[in-house]
Structure formats: structure tokens, C-alpha cells
PDB file of N, CA and C in Angstrom:
ATOM      1  N   MET A   1      61.770  34.465  -8.757  1.00  0.00           N
ATOM      2  CA  MET A   1      61.338  33.089  -9.312  1.00  0.00           C
ATOM      3  C   MET A   1      60.478  33.958 -10.727  1.00  0.00           C
ATOM      4  N   GLU A   2      60.152  32.982 -11.740  1.00  0.00           N
ATOM      5  CA  GLU A   2      59.916  33.422 -12.744  1.00  0.00           C
ATOM      6  C   GLU A   2      58.864  32.464 -13.198  1.00  0.00           C
ATOM      7  N   LEU A   3      57.413  33.055 -13.681  1.00  0.00           N
ATOM      8  CA  LEU A   3      56.234  32.076 -14.066  1.00  0.00           C
ATOM      9  C   LEU A   3      56.101  32.512 -15.340  1.00  0.00           C
ATOM     10  N   ARG A   4      56.571  31.559 -16.302  1.00  0.00           N
ATOM     11  CA  ARG A   4      56.307  31.977 -18.113  1.00  0.00           C
ATOM     12  C   ARG A   4      55.540  30.703 -18.658  1.00  0.00           C
ATOM     13  N   GLN A   5      54.601  31.596 -19.569  1.00  0.00           N
ATOM     14  CA  GLN A   5      53.783  30.823 -20.448  1.00  0.00           C
ATOM     15  C   GLN A   5      54.921  30.339 -21.320  1.00  0.00           C
ATOM     16  N   VAL A   6      54.702  29.237 -21.896  1.00  0.00           N
ATOM     17  CA  VAL A   6      55.701  28.496 -23.269  1.00  0.00           C
ATOM     18  C   VAL A   6      54.748  28.136 -24.096  1.00  0.00           C
ATOM     19  N   HIS A   7      55.274  27.728 -25.217  1.00  0.00           N
ATOM     20  CA  HIS A   7      53.921  27.322 -25.972  1.00  0.00           C
ATOM     21  C   HIS A   7      53.572  26.074 -25.721  1.00  0.00           C
ATOM     22  N   ASP A   8      54.137  24.912 -24.756  1.00  0.00           N
ATOM     23  CA  ASP A   8      53.510  23.894 -24.517  1.00  0.00           C
ATOM     24  C   ASP A   8      52.636  23.927 -22.985  1.00  0.00           C
ATOM     25  N   GLY A   9      52.900  24.937 -22.281  1.00  0.00           N
ATOM     26  CA  GLY A   9      52.491  24.980 -21.009  1.00  0.00           C
ATOM     27  C   GLY A   9      53.018  26.129 -20.112  1.00  0.00           C
ATOM     28  N   VAL A  10      53.073  26.096 -18.687  1.00  0.00           N
ATOM     29  CA  VAL A  10      53.481  27.131 -18.125  1.00  0.00           C
ATOM     30  C   VAL A  10      54.479  26.537 -17.098  1.00  0.00           C
ATOM     31  N   VAL A  11      55.758  27.431 -16.900  1.00  0.00           N
ATOM     32  CA  VAL A  11      56.952  26.738 -16.308  1.00  0.00           C
ATOM     33  C   VAL A  11      57.346  27.554 -15.215  1.00  0.00           C
ATOM     34  N   LEU A  12      57.695  26.997 -13.988  1.00  0.00           N
ATOM     35  CA  LEU A  12      57.810  28.068 -12.884  1.00  0.00           C
ATOM     36  C   LEU A  12      59.851  27.558 -13.120  1.00  0.00           C
ATOM     37  N   LYS A  13      60.389  28.953 -12.973  1.00  0.00           N
ATOM     38  CA  LYS A  13      62.039  29.007 -12.886  1.00  0.00           C
ATOM     39  C   LYS A  13      62.617  29.606 -12.104  1.00  0.00           C
ATOM     40  N   HIS A  14      63.855  29.124 -11.697  1.00  0.00           N
ATOM     41  CA  HIS A  14      64.636  29.934 -10.803  1.00  0.00           C
ATOM     42  C   HIS A  14      65.724  29.993 -11.048  1.00  0.00           C
ATOM     43  N   ASP A  15      66.661  31.303 -11.065  1.00  0.00           N
ATOM     44  CA  ASP A  15      68.103  31.258 -11.714  1.00  0.00           C
ATOM     45  C   ASP A  15      68.198  31.061 -12.913  1.00  0.00           C
ATOM     46  N   GLY A  16      66.833  30.621 -13.958  1.00  0.00           N
ATOM     47  CA  GLY A  16      67.066  30.285 -15.355  1.00  0.00           C
ATOM     48  C   GLY A  16      66.667  28.764 -15.283  1.00  0.00           C
ATOM     49  N   ARG A  17      66.335  28.136 -14.310  1.00  0.00           N
ATOM     50  CA  ARG A  17      66.379  26.585 -14.741  1.00  0.00           C
ATOM     51  C   ARG A  17      64.834  26.219 -14.010  1.00  0.00           C
ATOM     52  N   VAL A  18      64.612  25.459 -14.595  1.00  0.00           N
ATOM     53  CA  VAL A  18      63.074  25.013 -14.526  1.00  0.00           C
ATOM     54  C   VAL A  18      62.665  24.147 -13.547  1.00  0.00           C
ATOM     55  N   LEU A  19      62.101  24.562 -12.320  1.00  0.00           N
ATOM     56  CA  LEU A  19      61.824  23.829 -11.142  1.00  0.00           C
ATOM     57  C   LEU A  19      60.561  22.900 -11.629  1.00  0.00           C
ATOM     58  N   THR A  20      59.496  23.383 -12.230  1.00  0.00           N
ATOM     59  CA  THR A  20      58.245  22.601 -12.499  1.00  0.00           C
ATOM     60  C   THR A  20      57.435  23.097 -13.624  1.00  0.00           C
ATOM     61  N   ARG A  21      56.774  22.033 -14.368  1.00  0.00           N
ATOM     62  CA  ARG A  21      56.038  22.372 -15.567  1.00  0.00           C
ATOM     63  C   ARG A  21      54.582  21.961 -15.641  1.00  0.00           C
ATOM     64  N   VAL A  22      54.109  22.677 -16.316  1.00  0.00           N
ATOM     65  CA  VAL A  22      52.763  22.123 -16.323  1.00  0.00           C
ATOM     66  C   VAL A  22      51.953  22.142 -17.852  1.00  0.00           C
ATOM     67  N   TYR A  23      51.445  21.279 -18.205  1.00  0.00           N
ATOM     68  CA  TYR A  23      51.269  21.200 -19.809  1.00  0.00           C
ATOM     69  C   TYR A  23      49.840  22.221 -20.044  1.00  0.00           C
ATOM     70  N   LEU A  24      49.768  22.226 -21.408  1.00  0.00           N
ATOM     71  CA  LEU A  24      48.545  23.088 -21.956  1.00  0.00           C
ATOM     72  C   LEU A  24      47.847  22.063 -22.133  1.00  0.00           C
ATOM     73  N   ASN A  25      46.993  21.402 -20.884  1.00  0.00           N
ATOM     74  CA  ASN A  25      45.731  20.607 -21.290  1.00  0.00           C
ATOM     75  C   ASN A  25      45.033  21.069 -19.848  1.00  0.00           C
ATOM     76  N   ARG A  26      43.575  20.554 -20.101  1.00  0.00           N
ATOM     77  CA  ARG A  26      42.725  21.121 -18.851  1.00  0.00           C
ATOM     78  C   ARG A  26      43.713  20.844 -17.283  1.00  0.00           C
ATOM     79  N   SER A  27      44.036  19.666 -17.188  1.00  0.00           N
ATOM     80  CA  SER A  27      44.762  19.473 -15.765  1.00  0.00           C
ATOM     81  C   SER A  27      45.707  20.464 -15.648  1.00  0.00           C
ATOM     82  N   GLY A  28      46.479  20.893 -16.742  1.00  0.00           N
ATOM     83  CA  GLY A  28      47.613  21.697 -16.129  1.00  0.00           C
ATOM     84  C   GLY A  28      47.297  23.037 -16.242  1.00  0.00           C
ATOM     85  N   MET A  29      46.354  23.702 -16.962  1.00  0.00           N
ATOM     86  CA  MET A  29      46.201  24.708 -16.833  1.00  0.00           C
ATOM     87  C   MET A  29      45.360  25.337 -15.736  1.00  0.00           C
ATOM     88  N   ASN A  30      44.430  24.013 -15.005  1.00  0.00           N
ATOM     89  CA  ASN A  30      43.899  24.291 -13.512  1.00  0.00           C
ATOM     90  C   ASN A  30      45.200  24.553 -12.947  1.00  0.00           C
ATOM     91  N   ALA A  31      45.862  23.741 -13.216  1.00  0.00           N
ATOM     92  CA  ALA A  31      47.336  23.898 -11.957  1.00  0.00           C
ATOM     93  C   ALA A  31      47.940  25.273 -12.213  1.00  0.00           C
ATOM     94  N   ALA A  32      47.833  25.521 -13.597  1.00  0.00           N
ATOM     95  CA  ALA A  32      48.771  26.815 -13.642  1.00  0.00           C
ATOM     96  C   ALA A  32      48.029  27.935 -13.116  1.00  0.00           C
ATOM     97  N   ALA A  33      46.672  27.929 -13.043  1.00  0.00           N
ATOM     98  CA  ALA A  33      46.009  29.095 -12.258  1.00  0.00           C
ATOM     99  C   ALA A  33      46.236  29.002 -10.784  1.00  0.00           C
ATOM    100  N   ALA A  34      46.006  27.924 -10.038  1.00  0.00           N
ATOM    101  CA  ALA A  34      46.653  27.749  -8.924  1.00  0.00           C
ATOM    102  C   ALA A  34      47.676  27.972  -8.436  1.00  0.00           C
ATOM    103  N   MET A  35      48.597  27.523  -9.209  1.00  0.00           N
ATOM    104  CA  MET A  35      50.359  27.796  -8.915  1.00  0.00           C
ATOM    105  C   MET A  35      50.066  29.600  -8.873  1.00  0.00           C
ATOM    106  N   ALA A  36      49.609  30.297  -9.825  1.00  0.00           N
ATOM    107  CA  ALA A  36      49.810  31.815 -10.103  1.00  0.00           C
ATOM    108  C   ALA A  36      49.059  32.344  -8.843  1.00  0.00           C
ATOM    109  N   GLU A  37      47.822  31.837  -8.539  1.00  0.00           N
ATOM    110  CA  GLU A  37      46.965  32.515  -7.368  1.00  0.00           C
ATOM    111  C   GLU A  37      48.184  32.115  -6.454  1.00  0.00           C
ATOM    112  N   ALA A  38      48.328  31.269  -5.758  1.00  0.00           N
ATOM    113  CA  ALA A  38      49.310  30.745  -4.711  1.00  0.00           C
ATOM    114  C   ALA A  38      50.895  31.752  -4.501  1.00  0.00           C
ATOM    115  N   LEU A  39      51.293  32.284  -6.045  1.00  0.00           N
ATOM    116  CA  LEU A  39      52.252  33.022  -6.120  1.00  0.00           C
ATOM    117  C   LEU A  39      51.894  34.402  -5.813  1.00  0.00           C
ATOM    118  N   GLY A  40      50.553  34.845  -5.972  1.00  0.00           N
ATOM    119  CA  GLY A  40      50.412  36.305  -5.986  1.00  0.00           C
ATOM    120  C   GLY A  40      50.212  36.685  -7.144  1.00  0.00           C
ATOM    121  N   VAL A  41      50.323  36.318  -8.041  1.00  0.00           N
ATOM    122  CA  VAL A  41      50.360  36.764  -9.902  1.00  0.00           C
ATOM    123  C   VAL A  41      49.332  36.101 -10.733  1.00  0.00           C
ATOM    124  N   HIS A  42      49.299  36.695 -11.908  1.00  0.00           N
ATOM    125  CA  HIS A  42      48.565  36.229 -12.867  1.00  0.00           C
ATOM    126  C   HIS A  42      49.118  35.427 -13.617  1.00  0.00           C
ATOM    127  N   VAL A  43      48.729  34.130 -14.394  1.00  0.00           N
ATOM    128  CA  VAL A  43      49.405  33.406 -15.319  1.00  0.00           C
ATOM    129  C   VAL A  43      49.382  34.426 -16.486  1.00  0.00           C
ATOM    130  N   PRO A  44      50.833  34.621 -16.937  1.00  0.00           N
ATOM    131  CA  PRO A  44      51.224  35.513 -18.045  1.00  0.00           C
ATOM    132  C   PRO A  44      50.784  35.009 -19.443  1.00  0.00           C
ATOM    133  N   PRO A  45      50.480  35.961 -20.124  1.00  0.00           N
ATOM    134  CA  PRO A  45      50.077  35.538 -21.662  1.00  0.00           C
ATOM    135  C   PRO A  45      51.259  34.556 -22.632  1.00  0.00           C
ATOM    136  N   ALA A  46      50.918  33.999 -23.537  1.00  0.00           N
ATOM    137  CA  ALA A  46      51.741  33.289 -24.148  1.00  0.00           C
ATOM    138  C   ALA A  46      52.881  33.932 -24.708  1.00  0.00           C
ATOM    139  N   GLY A  47      54.189  33.254 -24.293  1.00  0.00           N
ATOM    140  CA  GLY A  47      55.314  34.077 -24.363  1.00  0.00           C
ATOM    141  C   GLY A  47      55.966  35.297 -23.490  1.00  0.00           C
ATOM    142  N   GLN A  48      55.229  35.138 -22.587  1.00  0.00           N
ATOM    143  CA  GLN A  48      55.579  36.435 -21.550  1.00  0.00           C
ATOM    144  C   GLN A  48      55.676  35.822 -20.184  1.00  0.00           C
ATOM    145  N   SER A  49      56.091  36.347 -19.360  1.00  0.00           N
ATOM    146  CA  SER A  49      56.622  35.874 -17.898  1.00  0.00           C
ATOM    147  C   SER A  49      56.320  36.943 -16.993  1.00  0.00           C
ATOM    148  N   VAL A  50      56.157  36.525 -15.355  1.00  0.00           N
ATOM    149  CA  VAL A  50      55.805  37.579 -14.373  1.00  0.00           C
ATOM    150  C   VAL A  50      57.163  36.875 -13.546  1.00  0.00           C
ATOM    151  N   SER A  51      57.528  37.992 -12.547  1.00  0.00           N
ATOM    152  CA  SER A  51      58.564  37.753 -11.719  1.00  0.00           C
ATOM    153  C   SER A  51      57.795  38.058 -10.441  1.00  0.00           C
ATOM    154  N   THR A  52      58.304  37.140  -9.419  1.00  0.00           N
ATOM    155  CA  THR A  52      57.580  36.940  -7.948  1.00  0.00           C
ATOM    156  C   THR A  52      59.109  36.678  -7.007  1.00  0.00           C
ATOM    157  N   LEU A  53      58.840  36.939  -6.018  1.00  0.00           N
ATOM    158  CA  LEU A  53      59.560  36.248  -4.704  1.00  0.00           C
ATOM    159  C   LEU A  53      58.774  35.179  -3.842  1.00  0.00           C
ATOM    160  N   ALA A  54      59.524  34.196  -3.539  1.00  0.00           N
ATOM    161  CA  ALA A  54      58.380  33.272  -3.000  1.00  0.00           C
ATOM    162  C   ALA A  54      59.576  32.626  -1.687  1.00  0.00           C
ATOM    163  N   SER A  55      58.747  32.172  -0.496  1.00  0.00           N
ATOM    164  CA  SER A  55      59.949  31.580   0.663  1.00  0.00           C
ATOM    165  C   SER A  55      59.729  30.318   0.349  1.00  0.00           C
ATOM    166  N   THR A  56      60.606  29.724   1.127  1.00  0.00           N
ATOM    167  CA  THR A  56      60.623  28.094   0.657  1.00  0.00           C
ATOM    168  C   THR A  56      59.617  27.299   1.056  1.00  0.00           C
ATOM    169  N   GLY A  57      58.368  27.638   1.934  1.00  0.00           N
ATOM    170  CA  GLY A  57      57.336  26.954   2.345  1.00  0.00           C
ATOM    171  C   GLY A  57      56.145  27.535   1.144  1.00  0.00           C
ATOM    172  N   LEU A  58      56.477  28.639   0.616  1.00  0.00           N
ATOM    173  CA  LEU A  58      55.704  28.863  -0.319  1.00  0.00           C
ATOM    174  C   LEU A  58      55.629  28.054  -1.571  1.00  0.00           C
ATOM    175  N   LEU A  59      57.114  28.135  -1.803  1.00  0.00           N
ATOM    176  CA  LEU A  59      57.434  27.309  -3.072  1.00  0.00           C
ATOM    177  C   LEU A  59      57.305  25.814  -3.119  1.00  0.00           C
ATOM    178  N   TYR A  60      57.492  25.287  -1.500  1.00  0.00           N
ATOM    179  CA  TYR A  60      56.824  23.865  -1.547  1.00  0.00           C
ATOM    180  C   TYR A  60      55.206  23.831  -1.887  1.00  0.00           C
ATOM    181  N   ARG A  61      54.565  24.600  -1.557  1.00  0.00           N
ATOM    182  CA  ARG A  61      53.030  24.512  -1.914  1.00  0.00           C
ATOM    183  C   ARG A  61      52.807  24.807  -3.384  1.00  0.00           C
ATOM    184  N   VAL A  62      53.522  25.700  -3.914  1.00  0.00           N
ATOM    185  CA  VAL A  62      53.321  25.955  -5.548  1.00  0.00           C
ATOM    186  C   VAL A  62      53.884  24.361  -6.607  1.00  0.00           C
ATOM    187  N   LEU A  63      55.083  23.934  -5.725  1.00  0.00           N
ATOM    188  CA  LEU A  63      55.364  22.544  -6.266  1.00  0.00           C
ATOM    189  C   LEU A  63      54.448  21.506  -6.167  1.00  0.00           C
ATOM    190  N   ALA A  64      53.875  21.207  -4.889  1.00  0.00           N
ATOM    191  CA  ALA A  64      52.734  20.505  -5.011  1.00  0.00           C
ATOM    192  C   ALA A  64      51.723  20.753  -5.776  1.00  0.00           C
ATOM    193  N   ILE A  65      51.103  21.744  -5.904  1.00  0.00           N
ATOM    194  CA  ILE A  65      50.102  22.069  -6.587  1.00  0.00           C
ATOM    195  C   ILE A  65      50.402  21.588  -7.796  1.00  0.00           C
ATOM    196  N   SER A  66      51.527  21.976  -8.504  1.00  0.00           N
ATOM    197  CA  SER A  66      52.027  21.520 -10.168  1.00  0.00           C
ATOM    198  C   SER A  66      51.879  19.976 -10.193  1.00  0.00           C
ATOM    199  N   GLN A  67      51.790  19.371  -9.377  1.00  0.00           N
ATOM    200  CA  GLN A  67      51.949  17.912  -9.621  1.00  0.00           C
ATOM    201  C   GLN A  67      50.482  17.159  -9.247  1.00  0.00           C
ATOM    202  N   ILE A  68      49.397  18.015  -9.236  1.00  0.00           N
ATOM    203  CA  ILE A  68      47.988  17.672  -8.657  1.00  0.00           C
ATOM    204  C   ILE A  68      47.315  17.228 -10.213  1.00  0.00           C
ATOM    205  N   ARG A  69      46.827  16.239 -10.155  1.00  0.00           N
ATOM    206  CA  ARG A  69      46.097  15.599 -11.459  1.00  0.00           C
ATOM    207  C   ARG A  69      44.736  16.165 -11.186  1.00  0.00           C
ATOM    208  N   PHE A  70      43.991  17.190 -11.705  1.00  0.00           N
ATOM    209  CA  PHE A  70      42.907  17.859 -12.023  1.00  0.00           C
ATOM    210  C   PHE A  70      41.670  17.096 -12.210  1.00  0.00           C
ATOM    211  N   ASN A  71      41.210  15.835 -11.764  1.00  0.00           N
ATOM    212  CA  ASN A  71      40.578  14.625 -12.596  1.00  0.00           C
ATOM    213  C   ASN A  71      39.123  14.690 -11.557  1.00  0.00           C
ATOM    214  N   ASN A  72      39.272  15.054 -10.586  1.00  0.00           N
ATOM    215  CA  ASN A  72      38.180  15.025  -9.726  1.00  0.00           C
ATOM    216  C   ASN A  72      38.370  16.092  -8.697  1.00  0.00           C
ATOM    217  N   ASP A  73      36.770  15.970  -7.789  1.00  0.00           N
ATOM    218  CA  ASP A  73      36.583  16.878  -7.015  1.00  0.00           C
ATOM    219  C   ASP A  73      37.715  17.182  -5.557  1.00  0.00           C
ATOM    220  N   ALA A  74      38.091  16.060  -5.474  1.00  0.00           N
ATOM    221  CA  ALA A  74      39.337  16.147  -4.197  1.00  0.00           C
ATOM    222  C   ALA A  74      40.266  16.769  -4.768  1.00  0.00           C
ATOM    223  N   ALA A  75      40.698  16.514  -5.800  1.00  0.00           N
ATOM    224  CA  ALA A  75      41.898  17.313  -6.392  1.00  0.00           C
ATOM    225  C   ALA A  75      41.901  18.833  -6.354  1.00  0.00           C
ATOM    226  N   PHE A  76      40.536  19.164  -6.554  1.00  0.00           N
ATOM    227  CA  PHE A  76      40.242  20.866  -6.816  1.00  0.00           C
ATOM    228  C   PHE A  76      40.059  21.472  -5.432  1.00  0.00           C
ATOM    229  N   GLU A  77      39.817  20.634  -4.277  1.00  0.00           N
ATOM    230  CA  GLU A  77      39.834  20.621  -2.882  1.00  0.00           C
ATOM    231  C   GLU A  77      41.082  20.972  -2.217  1.00  0.00           C
ATOM    232  N   LEU A  78      42.157  19.898  -2.495  1.00  0.00           N
ATOM    233  CA  LEU A  78      43.494  19.980  -2.110  1.00  0.00           C
ATOM    234  C   LEU A  78      44.349  21.048  -2.723  1.00  0.00           C
ATOM    235  N   ALA A  79      43.944  21.696  -3.820  1.00  0.00           N
ATOM    236  CA  ALA A  79      44.383  22.640  -4.564  1.00  0.00           C
ATOM    237  C   ALA A  79      43.918  23.795  -3.849  1.00  0.00           C
ATOM    238  N   ALA A  80      42.726  23.907  -3.407  1.00  0.00           N
ATOM    239  CA  ALA A  80      42.381  25.286  -3.087  1.00  0.00           C
ATOM    240  C   ALA A  80      43.054  25.473  -1.216  1.00  0.00           C
ATOM    241  N   ASN A  81      43.157  24.271  -0.799  1.00  0.00           N
ATOM    242  CA  ASN A  81      43.629  24.325   0.538  1.00  0.00           C
ATOM    243  C   ASN A  81      44.930  24.684   0.409  1.00  0.00           C
ATOM    244  N   LEU A  82      45.790  24.181  -0.423  1.00  0.00           N
ATOM    245  CA  LEU A  82      47.177  24.873  -0.645  1.00  0.00           C
ATOM    246  C   LEU A  82      47.715  26.240  -1.081  1.00  0.00           C
ATOM    247  N   VAL A  83      46.620  26.323  -1.997  1.00  0.00           N
ATOM    248  CA  VAL A  83      46.677  28.081  -2.106  1.00  0.00           C
ATOM    249  C   VAL A  83      46.003  28.845  -0.872  1.00  0.00           C
ATOM    250  N   ASP A  84      45.111  28.465  -0.279  1.00  0.00           N
ATOM    251  CA  ASP A  84      44.482  29.071   0.962  1.00  0.00           C
ATOM    252  C   ASP A  84      45.799  29.201   2.306  1.00  0.00           C
ATOM    253  N   GLU A  85      46.629  28.198   2.021  1.00  0.00           N
ATOM    254  CA  GLU A  85      47.964  28.170   2.839  1.00  0.00           C
ATOM    255  C   GLU A  85      48.806  29.393   2.584  1.00  0.00           C
ATOM    256  N   ALA A  86      49.237  28.995   1.160  1.00  0.00           N
ATOM    257  CA  ALA A  86      49.972  29.851   0.541  1.00  0.00           C
ATOM    258  C   ALA A  86      50.163  31.337   0.457  1.00  0.00           C
ATOM    259  N   LEU A  87      48.726  31.417   0.494  1.00  0.00           N
ATOM    260  CA  LEU A  87      48.270  33.025   0.796  1.00  0.00           C
ATOM    261  C   LEU A  87      48.272  33.720   1.966  1.00  0.00           C
ATOM    262  N   ASP A  88      47.890  32.813   2.991  1.00  0.00           N
ATOM    263  CA  ASP A  88      48.045  32.950   4.458  1.00  0.00           C
ATOM    264  C   ASP A  88      49.755  33.009   4.729  1.00  0.00           C
ATOM    265  N   MET A  89      50.199  32.695   3.966  1.00  0.00           N
ATOM    266  CA  MET A  89      51.569  32.429   4.431  1.00  0.00           C
ATOM    267  C   MET A  89      52.082  34.114   3.731  1.00  0.00           C
ATOM    268  N   GLN A  90      51.914  34.142   2.604  1.00  0.00           N
ATOM    269  CA  GLN A  90      52.276  35.895   2.073  1.00  0.00           C
ATOM    270  C   GLN A  90      51.592  36.904   2.993  1.00  0.00           C
ATOM    271  N   ARG A  91      50.513  36.604   4.084  1.00  0.00           N
ATOM    272  CA  ARG A  91      49.933  37.927   4.773  1.00  0.00           C
ATOM    273  C   ARG A  91      50.392  37.876   6.098  1.00  0.00           C
ATOM    274  N   GLY A  92      51.687  36.833   6.151  1.00  0.00           N
ATOM    275  CA  GLY A  92      52.539  36.821   7.393  1.00  0.00           C
ATOM    276  C   GLY A  92      51.609  35.864   8.654  1.00  0.00           C
ATOM    277  N   ARG A  93      50.707  35.276   8.284  1.00  0.00           N
ATOM    278  CA  ARG A  93      49.923  34.059   9.023  1.00  0.00           C
ATOM    279  C   ARG A  93      50.906  33.006   9.363  1.00  0.00           C
ATOM    280  N   SER A  94      50.791  32.729  10.449  1.00  0.00           N
ATOM    281  CA  SER A  94      51.512  31.483  10.627  1.00  0.00           C
ATOM    282  C   SER A  94      50.823  30.348  11.355  1.00  0.00           C
ATOM    283  N   GLU A  95      49.597  30.341  11.157  1.00  0.00           N
ATOM    284  CA  GLU A  95      48.826  29.433  11.368  1.00  0.00           C
ATOM    285  C   GLU A  95      48.884  27.986  10.696  1.00  0.00           C
ATOM    286  N   VAL A  96      49.653  28.352   9.396  1.00  0.00           N
ATOM    287  CA  VAL A  96      49.938  26.929   8.118  1.00  0.00           C
ATOM    288  C   VAL A  96      51.049  26.000   9.285  1.00  0.00           C
TER     289      VAL A  96
END
């Protein structure tokens, strides 16, 4: 998988196909930061990308994060819970 920052936002790709996209606005950049944290990487600089591996469960959570509209406190809480679950999955915990 590849997380890439493009001119209008951040995209998550697999085998060259875009799985999800967040745009260059406040909500999109919050989503991009949460997605990157869940994947265990940093948001890459503009025009660059980072590669990572993810299980289907982790991917499910990252895709869910990309759909959150960060316009209230509940959205941030939901994203934090999804990121925590993703990090637990990466550490090999099966409590999720």
C-alpha cells in the first residue's frame, strides 16, 4: 500500500489503484494524519509517498477514518478509537 500526498490532498493506493482520497482542507488533513498514524507511517511531504503493509482489518479502519467529517468532538473521538484499534492490531493484540 502507498500513502501519497498529491496536489489536492492525500490518497491511499494499492497496486496503483486509489482506494480512498482525502482533500486538502481541515477535515481532510485531520483524516490524513489519523490514517497515517493508523498505518504506522507519517503523512509524506507534497509529491512524495510512503509504502506500508496492512491487514484487511487495519485497512477497514483506515478506510473508515477517511470517511469521517472532522467537524465536531465526536468525530475526533471516533477517529482516536479507530486509530487505537489499528495500533493494537499492529502490535498483535486481538482485543479488537
